Amino acid sequence: HGATVHVEGQAADVSAFRTRLRADAPAPARLEAVEVVPATPTFRT
């Protein structure tokens, strides 16, 4: 169905990631929808 992205961090950092996801997507990419869903942290580095 597309891509799933799991992002963890401080609220401001996650918000900045979401903003940059749209602004910095490469030319052929097209984001049709971004759905934010709370998730259990995985604590990856």
ModelCIF file with pLDDT and N, C-alpha, C, O atoms, coordinates in Angstrom:
data_MODEL
#
_entry.id   MODEL 
#
_entity.id                         1 
_entity.type                       polymer 
_entity.pdbx_number_of_molecules   1 
#
_entity_poly.entity_id                      1 
_entity_poly.type                           'polypeptide(L)' 
_entity_poly.nstd_linkage                   no 
_entity_poly.nstd_monomer                   no 
_entity_poly.pdbx_seq_one_letter_code       HGATVHVEGQAADVSAFRTRLRADAPAPARLEAVEVVPATPTFRT 
_entity_poly.pdbx_seq_one_letter_code_can   HGATVHVEGQAADVSAFRTRLRADAPAPARLEAVEVVPATPTFRT 
_entity_poly.pdbx_strand_id                 A 
#
loop_
_entity_poly_seq.entity_id 
_entity_poly_seq.num 
_entity_poly_seq.mon_id 
_entity_poly_seq.hetero 
1 1  HIS n 
1 2  GLY n 
1 3  ALA n 
1 4  THR n 
1 5  VAL n 
1 6  HIS n 
1 7  VAL n 
1 8  GLU n 
1 9  GLY n 
1 10 GLN n 
1 11 ALA n 
1 12 ALA n 
1 13 ASP n 
1 14 VAL n 
1 15 SER n 
1 16 ALA n 
1 17 PHE n 
1 18 ARG n 
1 19 THR n 
1 20 ARG n 
1 21 LEU n 
1 22 ARG n 
1 23 ALA n 
1 24 ASP n 
1 25 ALA n 
1 26 PRO n 
1 27 ALA n 
1 28 PRO n 
1 29 ALA n 
1 30 ARG n 
1 31 LEU n 
1 32 GLU n 
1 33 ALA n 
1 34 VAL n 
1 35 GLU n 
1 36 VAL n 
1 37 VAL n 
1 38 PRO n 
1 39 ALA n 
1 40 THR n 
1 41 PRO n 
1 42 THR n 
1 43 PHE n 
1 44 ARG n 
1 45 THR n 
#
_struct_asym.id          A 
_struct_asym.entity_id   1 
#
loop_
_ma_qa_metric.id 
_ma_qa_metric.mode 
_ma_qa_metric.name 
_ma_qa_metric.software_group_id 
_ma_qa_metric.type 
1 global pLDDT . pLDDT 
2 local  pLDDT . pLDDT 
#
_ma_qa_metric_global.metric_id      1 
_ma_qa_metric_global.metric_value   86.64 
_ma_qa_metric_global.model_id       1 
_ma_qa_metric_global.ordinal_id     1 
#
loop_
_ma_qa_metric_local.label_asym_id 
_ma_qa_metric_local.label_comp_id 
_ma_qa_metric_local.label_seq_id 
_ma_qa_metric_local.metric_id 
_ma_qa_metric_local.metric_value 
_ma_qa_metric_local.model_id 
_ma_qa_metric_local.ordinal_id 
A HIS 1  2 74.00 1 1  
A GLY 2  2 79.00 1 2  
A ALA 3  2 84.00 1 3  
A THR 4  2 87.00 1 4  
A VAL 5  2 91.00 1 5  
A HIS 6  2 93.00 1 6  
A VAL 7  2 93.00 1 7  
A GLU 8  2 93.00 1 8  
A GLY 9  2 91.00 1 9  
A GLN 10 2 91.00 1 10 
A ALA 11 2 90.00 1 11 
A ALA 12 2 94.00 1 12 
A ASP 13 2 92.00 1 13 
A VAL 14 2 91.00 1 14 
A SER 15 2 92.00 1 15 
A ALA 16 2 94.00 1 16 
A PHE 17 2 91.00 1 17 
A ARG 18 2 90.00 1 18 
A THR 19 2 91.00 1 19 
A ARG 20 2 91.00 1 20 
A LEU 21 2 88.00 1 21 
A ARG 22 2 86.00 1 22 
A ALA 23 2 89.00 1 23 
A ASP 24 2 87.00 1 24 
A ALA 25 2 81.00 1 25 
A PRO 26 2 75.00 1 26 
A ALA 27 2 70.00 1 27 
A PRO 28 2 72.00 1 28 
A ALA 29 2 75.00 1 29 
A ARG 30 2 76.00 1 30 
A LEU 31 2 82.00 1 31 
A GLU 32 2 81.00 1 32 
A ALA 33 2 84.00 1 33 
A VAL 34 2 86.00 1 34 
A GLU 35 2 86.00 1 35 
A VAL 36 2 87.00 1 36 
A VAL 37 2 88.00 1 37 
A PRO 38 2 89.00 1 38 
A ALA 39 2 90.00 1 39 
A THR 40 2 91.00 1 40 
A PRO 41 2 90.00 1 41 
A THR 42 2 88.00 1 42 
A PHE 43 2 90.00 1 43 
A ARG 44 2 86.00 1 44 
A THR 45 2 90.00 1 45 
#
loop_
_atom_site.group_PDB 
_atom_site.id 
_atom_site.type_symbol 
_atom_site.label_atom_id 
_atom_site.label_alt_id 
_atom_site.label_comp_id 
_atom_site.label_asym_id 
_atom_site.label_entity_id 
_atom_site.label_seq_id 
_atom_site.pdbx_PDB_ins_code 
_atom_site.Cartn_x 
_atom_site.Cartn_y 
_atom_site.Cartn_z 
_atom_site.occupancy 
_atom_site.B_iso_or_equiv 
_atom_site.pdbx_formal_charge 
_atom_site.auth_seq_id 
_atom_site.auth_comp_id 
_atom_site.auth_asym_id 
_atom_site.auth_atom_id 
_atom_site.pdbx_PDB_model_num 
ATOM 1   N N  . HIS A 1 1  ? 0.808  -1.220 0.000  1.00 74.00 ? 1  HIS A N  1 
ATOM 2   C CA . HIS A 1 1  ? 0.000  0.000  0.000  1.00 74.00 ? 1  HIS A CA 1 
ATOM 3   C C  . HIS A 1 1  ? 0.836  1.262  0.000  1.00 74.00 ? 1  HIS A C  1 
ATOM 4   O O  . HIS A 1 1  ? 0.288  2.360  -0.097 1.00 74.00 ? 1  HIS A O  1 
ATOM 5   N N  . GLY A 1 2  ? 2.155  1.136  0.107  1.00 79.00 ? 2  GLY A N  1 
ATOM 6   C CA . GLY A 1 2  ? 3.025  2.304  0.150  1.00 79.00 ? 2  GLY A CA 1 
ATOM 7   C C  . GLY A 1 2  ? 4.140  2.074  1.133  1.00 79.00 ? 2  GLY A C  1 
ATOM 8   O O  . GLY A 1 2  ? 4.810  1.043  1.087  1.00 79.00 ? 2  GLY A O  1 
ATOM 9   N N  . ALA A 1 3  ? 4.348  3.026  2.028  1.00 84.00 ? 3  ALA A N  1 
ATOM 10  C CA . ALA A 1 3  ? 5.415  2.922  3.020  1.00 84.00 ? 3  ALA A CA 1 
ATOM 11  C C  . ALA A 1 3  ? 4.857  3.176  4.412  1.00 84.00 ? 3  ALA A C  1 
ATOM 12  O O  . ALA A 1 3  ? 3.938  3.974  4.592  1.00 84.00 ? 3  ALA A O  1 
ATOM 13  N N  . THR A 1 4  ? 5.420  2.493  5.380  1.00 87.00 ? 4  THR A N  1 
ATOM 14  C CA . THR A 1 4  ? 5.104  2.730  6.780  1.00 87.00 ? 4  THR A CA 1 
ATOM 15  C C  . THR A 1 4  ? 6.379  3.240  7.434  1.00 87.00 ? 4  THR A C  1 
ATOM 16  O O  . THR A 1 4  ? 7.446  2.646  7.282  1.00 87.00 ? 4  THR A O  1 
ATOM 17  N N  . VAL A 1 5  ? 6.262  4.338  8.160  1.00 91.00 ? 5  VAL A N  1 
ATOM 18  C CA . VAL A 1 5  ? 7.397  4.939  8.842  1.00 91.00 ? 5  VAL A CA 1 
ATOM 19  C C  . VAL A 1 5  ? 7.066  4.985  10.329 1.00 91.00 ? 5  VAL A C  1 
ATOM 20  O O  . VAL A 1 5  ? 6.017  5.496  10.721 1.00 91.00 ? 5  VAL A O  1 
ATOM 21  N N  . HIS A 1 6  ? 7.950  4.459  11.142 1.00 93.00 ? 6  HIS A N  1 
ATOM 22  C CA . HIS A 1 6  ? 7.798  4.497  12.600 1.00 93.00 ? 6  HIS A CA 1 
ATOM 23  C C  . HIS A 1 6  ? 8.885  5.434  13.117 1.00 93.00 ? 6  HIS A C  1 
ATOM 24  O O  . HIS A 1 6  ? 10.075 5.159  12.961 1.00 93.00 ? 6  HIS A O  1 
ATOM 25  N N  . VAL A 1 7  ? 8.471  6.539  13.731 1.00 93.00 ? 7  VAL A N  1 
ATOM 26  C CA . VAL A 1 7  ? 9.414  7.554  14.199 1.00 93.00 ? 7  VAL A CA 1 
ATOM 27  C C  . VAL A 1 7  ? 9.263  7.714  15.705 1.00 93.00 ? 7  VAL A C  1 
ATOM 28  O O  . VAL A 1 7  ? 8.148  7.796  16.220 1.00 93.00 ? 7  VAL A O  1 
ATOM 29  N N  . GLU A 1 8  ? 10.391 7.757  16.406 1.00 93.00 ? 8  GLU A N  1 
ATOM 30  C CA . GLU A 1 8  ? 10.389 7.963  17.853 1.00 93.00 ? 8  GLU A CA 1 
ATOM 31  C C  . GLU A 1 8  ? 11.281 9.143  18.197 1.00 93.00 ? 8  GLU A C  1 
ATOM 32  O O  . GLU A 1 8  ? 12.282 9.388  17.524 1.00 93.00 ? 8  GLU A O  1 
ATOM 33  N N  . GLY A 1 9  ? 10.924 9.865  19.230 1.00 91.00 ? 9  GLY A N  1 
ATOM 34  C CA . GLY A 1 9  ? 11.748 10.973 19.693 1.00 91.00 ? 9  GLY A CA 1 
ATOM 35  C C  . GLY A 1 9  ? 10.906 11.998 20.424 1.00 91.00 ? 9  GLY A C  1 
ATOM 36  O O  . GLY A 1 9  ? 9.737  11.763 20.728 1.00 91.00 ? 9  GLY A O  1 
ATOM 37  N N  . GLN A 1 10 ? 11.513 13.130 20.699 1.00 91.00 ? 10 GLN A N  1 
ATOM 38  C CA . GLN A 1 10 ? 10.802 14.230 21.344 1.00 91.00 ? 10 GLN A CA 1 
ATOM 39  C C  . GLN A 1 10 ? 9.719  14.741 20.390 1.00 91.00 ? 10 GLN A C  1 
ATOM 40  O O  . GLN A 1 10 ? 9.887  14.683 19.172 1.00 91.00 ? 10 GLN A O  1 
ATOM 41  N N  . ALA A 1 11 ? 8.625  15.233 20.934 1.00 90.00 ? 11 ALA A N  1 
ATOM 42  C CA . ALA A 1 11 ? 7.496  15.680 20.122 1.00 90.00 ? 11 ALA A CA 1 
ATOM 43  C C  . ALA A 1 11 ? 7.913  16.682 19.052 1.00 90.00 ? 11 ALA A C  1 
ATOM 44  O O  . ALA A 1 11 ? 7.456  16.595 17.913 1.00 90.00 ? 11 ALA A O  1 
ATOM 45  N N  . ALA A 1 12 ? 8.774  17.627 19.404 1.00 94.00 ? 12 ALA A N  1 
ATOM 46  C CA . ALA A 1 12 ? 9.217  18.637 18.429 1.00 94.00 ? 12 ALA A CA 1 
ATOM 47  C C  . ALA A 1 12 ? 10.014 17.994 17.297 1.00 94.00 ? 12 ALA A C  1 
ATOM 48  O O  . ALA A 1 12 ? 9.889  18.401 16.142 1.00 94.00 ? 12 ALA A O  1 
ATOM 49  N N  . ASP A 1 13 ? 10.829 16.995 17.620 1.00 92.00 ? 13 ASP A N  1 
ATOM 50  C CA . ASP A 1 13 ? 11.620 16.318 16.597 1.00 92.00 ? 13 ASP A CA 1 
ATOM 51  C C  . ASP A 1 13 ? 10.737 15.492 15.664 1.00 92.00 ? 13 ASP A C  1 
ATOM 52  O O  . ASP A 1 13 ? 10.956 15.470 14.453 1.00 92.00 ? 13 ASP A O  1 
ATOM 53  N N  . VAL A 1 14 ? 9.750  14.821 16.224 1.00 91.00 ? 14 VAL A N  1 
ATOM 54  C CA . VAL A 1 14 ? 8.826  14.033 15.409 1.00 91.00 ? 14 VAL A CA 1 
ATOM 55  C C  . VAL A 1 14 ? 8.027  14.967 14.499 1.00 91.00 ? 14 VAL A C  1 
ATOM 56  O O  . VAL A 1 14 ? 7.803  14.652 13.331 1.00 91.00 ? 14 VAL A O  1 
ATOM 57  N N  . SER A 1 15 ? 7.602  16.098 15.021 1.00 92.00 ? 15 SER A N  1 
ATOM 58  C CA . SER A 1 15 ? 6.874  17.082 14.222 1.00 92.00 ? 15 SER A CA 1 
ATOM 59  C C  . SER A 1 15 ? 7.748  17.611 13.087 1.00 92.00 ? 15 SER A C  1 
ATOM 60  O O  . SER A 1 15 ? 7.273  17.767 11.962 1.00 92.00 ? 15 SER A O  1 
ATOM 61  N N  . ALA A 1 16 ? 9.015  17.888 13.371 1.00 94.00 ? 16 ALA A N  1 
ATOM 62  C CA . ALA A 1 16 ? 9.937  18.370 12.345 1.00 94.00 ? 16 ALA A CA 1 
ATOM 63  C C  . ALA A 1 16 ? 10.148 17.298 11.271 1.00 94.00 ? 16 ALA A C  1 
ATOM 64  O O  . ALA A 1 16 ? 10.229 17.615 10.084 1.00 94.00 ? 16 ALA A O  1 
ATOM 65  N N  . PHE A 1 17 ? 10.237 16.045 11.681 1.00 91.00 ? 17 PHE A N  1 
ATOM 66  C CA . PHE A 1 17 ? 10.382 14.949 10.722 1.00 91.00 ? 17 PHE A CA 1 
ATOM 67  C C  . PHE A 1 17 ? 9.190  14.922 9.780  1.00 91.00 ? 17 PHE A C  1 
ATOM 68  O O  . PHE A 1 17 ? 9.346  14.803 8.564  1.00 91.00 ? 17 PHE A O  1 
ATOM 69  N N  . ARG A 1 18 ? 8.019  15.032 10.343 1.00 90.00 ? 18 ARG A N  1 
ATOM 70  C CA . ARG A 1 18 ? 6.787  15.002 9.538  1.00 90.00 ? 18 ARG A CA 1 
ATOM 71  C C  . ARG A 1 18 ? 6.760  16.154 8.532  1.00 90.00 ? 18 ARG A C  1 
ATOM 72  O O  . ARG A 1 18 ? 6.357  15.967 7.384  1.00 90.00 ? 18 ARG A O  1 
ATOM 73  N N  . THR A 1 19 ? 7.183  17.335 8.958  1.00 91.00 ? 19 THR A N  1 
ATOM 74  C CA . THR A 1 19 ? 7.236  18.486 8.059  1.00 91.00 ? 19 THR A CA 1 
ATOM 75  C C  . THR A 1 19 ? 8.234  18.245 6.937  1.00 91.00 ? 19 THR A C  1 
ATOM 76  O O  . THR A 1 19 ? 7.938  18.499 5.769  1.00 91.00 ? 19 THR A O  1 
ATOM 77  N N  . ARG A 1 20 ? 9.418  17.755 7.294  1.00 91.00 ? 20 ARG A N  1 
ATOM 78  C CA . ARG A 1 20 ? 10.461 17.520 6.287  1.00 91.00 ? 20 ARG A CA 1 
ATOM 79  C C  . ARG A 1 20 ? 10.117 16.365 5.363  1.00 91.00 ? 20 ARG A C  1 
ATOM 80  O O  . ARG A 1 20 ? 10.573 16.332 4.220  1.00 91.00 ? 20 ARG A O  1 
ATOM 81  N N  . LEU A 1 21 ? 9.322  15.419 5.838  1.00 88.00 ? 21 LEU A N  1 
ATOM 82  C CA . LEU A 1 21 ? 8.914  14.296 5.007  1.00 88.00 ? 21 LEU A CA 1 
ATOM 83  C C  . LEU A 1 21 ? 8.246  14.807 3.734  1.00 88.00 ? 21 LEU A C  1 
ATOM 84  O O  . LEU A 1 21 ? 8.529  14.315 2.642  1.00 88.00 ? 21 LEU A O  1 
ATOM 85  N N  . ARG A 1 22 ? 7.382  15.771 3.870  1.00 86.00 ? 22 ARG A N  1 
ATOM 86  C CA . ARG A 1 22 ? 6.714  16.366 2.698  1.00 86.00 ? 22 ARG A CA 1 
ATOM 87  C C  . ARG A 1 22 ? 7.645  17.307 1.940  1.00 86.00 ? 22 ARG A C  1 
ATOM 88  O O  . ARG A 1 22 ? 7.731  17.240 0.714  1.00 86.00 ? 22 ARG A O  1 
ATOM 89  N N  . ALA A 1 23 ? 8.330  18.169 2.652  1.00 89.00 ? 23 ALA A N  1 
ATOM 90  C CA . ALA A 1 23 ? 9.142  19.214 2.021  1.00 89.00 ? 23 ALA A CA 1 
ATOM 91  C C  . ALA A 1 23 ? 10.363 18.668 1.298  1.00 89.00 ? 23 ALA A C  1 
ATOM 92  O O  . ALA A 1 23 ? 10.770 19.223 0.277  1.00 89.00 ? 23 ALA A O  1 
ATOM 93  N N  . ASP A 1 24 ? 10.956 17.594 1.802  1.00 87.00 ? 24 ASP A N  1 
ATOM 94  C CA . ASP A 1 24 ? 12.221 17.098 1.261  1.00 87.00 ? 24 ASP A CA 1 
ATOM 95  C C  . ASP A 1 24 ? 12.100 15.793 0.484  1.00 87.00 ? 24 ASP A C  1 
ATOM 96  O O  . ASP A 1 24 ? 13.110 15.154 0.189  1.00 87.00 ? 24 ASP A O  1 
ATOM 97  N N  . ALA A 1 25 ? 10.884 15.392 0.151  1.00 81.00 ? 25 ALA A N  1 
ATOM 98  C CA . ALA A 1 25 ? 10.713 14.154 -0.619 1.00 81.00 ? 25 ALA A CA 1 
ATOM 99  C C  . ALA A 1 25 ? 11.383 14.307 -1.982 1.00 81.00 ? 25 ALA A C  1 
ATOM 100 O O  . ALA A 1 25 ? 11.302 15.377 -2.585 1.00 81.00 ? 25 ALA A O  1 
ATOM 101 N N  . PRO A 1 26 ? 12.045 13.256 -2.484 1.00 75.00 ? 26 PRO A N  1 
ATOM 102 C CA . PRO A 1 26 ? 12.686 13.364 -3.797 1.00 75.00 ? 26 PRO A CA 1 
ATOM 103 C C  . PRO A 1 26 ? 11.653 13.574 -4.907 1.00 75.00 ? 26 PRO A C  1 
ATOM 104 O O  . PRO A 1 26 ? 10.476 13.246 -4.752 1.00 75.00 ? 26 PRO A O  1 
ATOM 105 N N  . ALA A 1 27 ? 12.115 14.122 -6.019 1.00 70.00 ? 27 ALA A N  1 
ATOM 106 C CA . ALA A 1 27 ? 11.232 14.513 -7.125 1.00 70.00 ? 27 ALA A CA 1 
ATOM 107 C C  . ALA A 1 27 ? 10.223 13.438 -7.552 1.00 70.00 ? 27 ALA A C  1 
ATOM 108 O O  . ALA A 1 27 ? 9.056  13.783 -7.739 1.00 70.00 ? 27 ALA A O  1 
ATOM 109 N N  . PRO A 1 28 ? 10.592 12.159 -7.719 1.00 72.00 ? 28 PRO A N  1 
ATOM 110 C CA . PRO A 1 28 ? 9.572  11.221 -8.176 1.00 72.00 ? 28 PRO A CA 1 
ATOM 111 C C  . PRO A 1 28 ? 8.578  10.807 -7.095 1.00 72.00 ? 28 PRO A C  1 
ATOM 112 O O  . PRO A 1 28 ? 7.543  10.220 -7.408 1.00 72.00 ? 28 PRO A O  1 
ATOM 113 N N  . ALA A 1 29 ? 8.873  11.103 -5.828 1.00 75.00 ? 29 ALA A N  1 
ATOM 114 C CA . ALA A 1 29 ? 7.981  10.681 -4.741 1.00 75.00 ? 29 ALA A CA 1 
ATOM 115 C C  . ALA A 1 29 ? 6.752  11.570 -4.676 1.00 75.00 ? 29 ALA A C  1 
ATOM 116 O O  . ALA A 1 29 ? 6.816  12.769 -4.948 1.00 75.00 ? 29 ALA A O  1 
ATOM 117 N N  . ARG A 1 30 ? 5.638  10.965 -4.313 1.00 76.00 ? 30 ARG A N  1 
ATOM 118 C CA . ARG A 1 30 ? 4.405  11.735 -4.109 1.00 76.00 ? 30 ARG A CA 1 
ATOM 119 C C  . ARG A 1 30 ? 3.693  11.175 -2.884 1.00 76.00 ? 30 ARG A C  1 
ATOM 120 O O  . ARG A 1 30 ? 3.294  10.011 -2.856 1.00 76.00 ? 30 ARG A O  1 
ATOM 121 N N  . LEU A 1 31 ? 3.544  12.020 -1.881 1.00 82.00 ? 31 LEU A N  1 
ATOM 122 C CA . LEU A 1 31 ? 2.821  11.611 -0.690 1.00 82.00 ? 31 LEU A CA 1 
ATOM 123 C C  . LEU A 1 31 ? 1.345  11.916 -0.902 1.00 82.00 ? 31 LEU A C  1 
ATOM 124 O O  . LEU A 1 31 ? 0.953  13.073 -1.052 1.00 82.00 ? 31 LEU A O  1 
ATOM 125 N N  . GLU A 1 32 ? 0.546  10.882 -0.912 1.00 81.00 ? 32 GLU A N  1 
ATOM 126 C CA . GLU A 1 32 ? -0.886 11.065 -1.092 1.00 81.00 ? 32 GLU A CA 1 
ATOM 127 C C  . GLU A 1 32 ? -1.584 11.237 0.248  1.00 81.00 ? 32 GLU A C  1 
ATOM 128 O O  . GLU A 1 32 ? -2.624 11.891 0.329  1.00 81.00 ? 32 GLU A O  1 
ATOM 129 N N  . ALA A 1 33 ? -1.021 10.658 1.290  1.00 84.00 ? 33 ALA A N  1 
ATOM 130 C CA . ALA A 1 33 ? -1.616 10.763 2.618  1.00 84.00 ? 33 ALA A CA 1 
ATOM 131 C C  . ALA A 1 33 ? -0.555 10.487 3.668  1.00 84.00 ? 33 ALA A C  1 
ATOM 132 O O  . ALA A 1 33 ? 0.359  9.691  3.452  1.00 84.00 ? 33 ALA A O  1 
ATOM 133 N N  . VAL A 1 34 ? -0.684 11.147 4.793  1.00 86.00 ? 34 VAL A N  1 
ATOM 134 C CA . VAL A 1 34 ? 0.162  10.880 5.949  1.00 86.00 ? 34 VAL A CA 1 
ATOM 135 C C  . VAL A 1 34 ? -0.793 10.678 7.121  1.00 86.00 ? 34 VAL A C  1 
ATOM 136 O O  . VAL A 1 34 ? -1.560 11.574 7.474  1.00 86.00 ? 34 VAL A O  1 
ATOM 137 N N  . GLU A 1 35 ? -0.736 9.515  7.707  1.00 86.00 ? 35 GLU A N  1 
ATOM 138 C CA . GLU A 1 35 ? -1.596 9.190  8.841  1.00 86.00 ? 35 GLU A CA 1 
ATOM 139 C C  . GLU A 1 35 ? -0.718 9.027  10.069 1.00 86.00 ? 35 GLU A C  1 
ATOM 140 O O  . GLU A 1 35 ? 0.244  8.259  10.051 1.00 86.00 ? 35 GLU A O  1 
ATOM 141 N N  . VAL A 1 36 ? -1.044 9.742  11.129 1.00 87.00 ? 36 VAL A N  1 
ATOM 142 C CA . VAL A 1 36 ? -0.278 9.658  12.368 1.00 87.00 ? 36 VAL A CA 1 
ATOM 143 C C  . VAL A 1 36 ? -1.058 8.785  13.353 1.00 87.00 ? 36 VAL A C  1 
ATOM 144 O O  . VAL A 1 36 ? -2.221 9.044  13.662 1.00 87.00 ? 36 VAL A O  1 
ATOM 145 N N  . VAL A 1 37 ? -0.378 7.746  13.832 1.00 88.00 ? 37 VAL A N  1 
ATOM 146 C CA . VAL A 1 37 ? -1.006 6.794  14.745 1.00 88.00 ? 37 VAL A CA 1 
ATOM 147 C C  . VAL A 1 37 ? -0.058 6.580  15.928 1.00 88.00 ? 37 VAL A C  1 
ATOM 148 O O  . VAL A 1 37 ? 1.108  6.248  15.714 1.00 88.00 ? 37 VAL A O  1 
ATOM 149 N N  . PRO A 1 38 ? -0.521 6.759  17.162 1.00 89.00 ? 38 PRO A N  1 
ATOM 150 C CA . PRO A 1 38 ? 0.347  6.477  18.312 1.00 89.00 ? 38 PRO A CA 1 
ATOM 151 C C  . PRO A 1 38 ? 0.786  5.004  18.277 1.00 89.00 ? 38 PRO A C  1 
ATOM 152 O O  . PRO A 1 38 ? 0.014  4.122  17.901 1.00 89.00 ? 38 PRO A O  1 
ATOM 153 N N  . ALA A 1 39 ? 2.031  4.762  18.675 1.00 90.00 ? 39 ALA A N  1 
ATOM 154 C CA . ALA A 1 39 ? 2.565  3.401  18.636 1.00 90.00 ? 39 ALA A CA 1 
ATOM 155 C C  . ALA A 1 39 ? 3.439  3.157  19.859 1.00 90.00 ? 39 ALA A C  1 
ATOM 156 O O  . ALA A 1 39 ? 3.892  4.092  20.519 1.00 90.00 ? 39 ALA A O  1 
ATOM 157 N N  . THR A 1 40 ? 3.659  1.904  20.138 1.00 91.00 ? 40 THR A N  1 
ATOM 158 C CA . THR A 1 40 ? 4.530  1.513  21.229 1.00 91.00 ? 40 THR A CA 1 
ATOM 159 C C  . THR A 1 40 ? 5.983  1.718  20.803 1.00 91.00 ? 40 THR A C  1 
ATOM 160 O O  . THR A 1 40 ? 6.373  1.263  19.728 1.00 91.00 ? 40 THR A O  1 
ATOM 161 N N  . PRO A 1 41 ? 6.787  2.390  21.619 1.00 90.00 ? 41 PRO A N  1 
ATOM 162 C CA . PRO A 1 41 ? 8.195  2.602  21.255 1.00 90.00 ? 41 PRO A CA 1 
ATOM 163 C C  . PRO A 1 41 ? 8.942  1.280  21.104 1.00 90.00 ? 41 PRO A C  1 
ATOM 164 O O  . PRO A 1 41 ? 8.670  0.313  21.816 1.00 90.00 ? 41 PRO A O  1 
ATOM 165 N N  . THR A 1 42 ? 9.886  1.256  20.167 1.00 88.00 ? 42 THR A N  1 
ATOM 166 C CA . THR A 1 42 ? 10.721 0.070  19.967 1.00 88.00 ? 42 THR A CA 1 
ATOM 167 C C  . THR A 1 42 ? 12.120 0.282  20.536 1.00 88.00 ? 42 THR A C  1 
ATOM 168 O O  . THR A 1 42 ? 12.886 -0.670 20.687 1.00 88.00 ? 42 THR A O  1 
ATOM 169 N N  . PHE A 1 43 ? 12.451 1.536  20.852 1.00 90.00 ? 43 PHE A N  1 
ATOM 170 C CA . PHE A 1 43 ? 13.739 1.902  21.461 1.00 90.00 ? 43 PHE A CA 1 
ATOM 171 C C  . PHE A 1 43 ? 14.948 1.493  20.612 1.00 90.00 ? 43 PHE A C  1 
ATOM 172 O O  . PHE A 1 43 ? 16.005 1.168  21.153 1.00 90.00 ? 43 PHE A O  1 
ATOM 173 N N  . ARG A 1 44 ? 14.794 1.508  19.306 1.00 86.00 ? 44 ARG A N  1 
ATOM 174 C CA . ARG A 1 44 ? 15.931 1.265  18.426 1.00 86.00 ? 44 ARG A CA 1 
ATOM 175 C C  . ARG A 1 44 ? 16.856 2.474  18.470 1.00 86.00 ? 44 ARG A C  1 
ATOM 176 O O  . ARG A 1 44 ? 16.452 3.572  18.854 1.00 86.00 ? 44 ARG A O  1 
ATOM 177 N N  . THR A 1 45 ? 18.079 2.256  18.078 1.00 90.00 ? 45 THR A N  1 
ATOM 178 C CA . THR A 1 45 ? 18.992 3.385  17.932 1.00 90.00 ? 45 THR A CA 1 
ATOM 179 C C  . THR A 1 45 ? 19.162 3.640  16.444 1.00 90.00 ? 45 THR A C  1 
ATOM 180 O O  . THR A 1 45 ? 19.892 4.551  16.053 1.00 90.00 ? 45 THR A O  1 
#
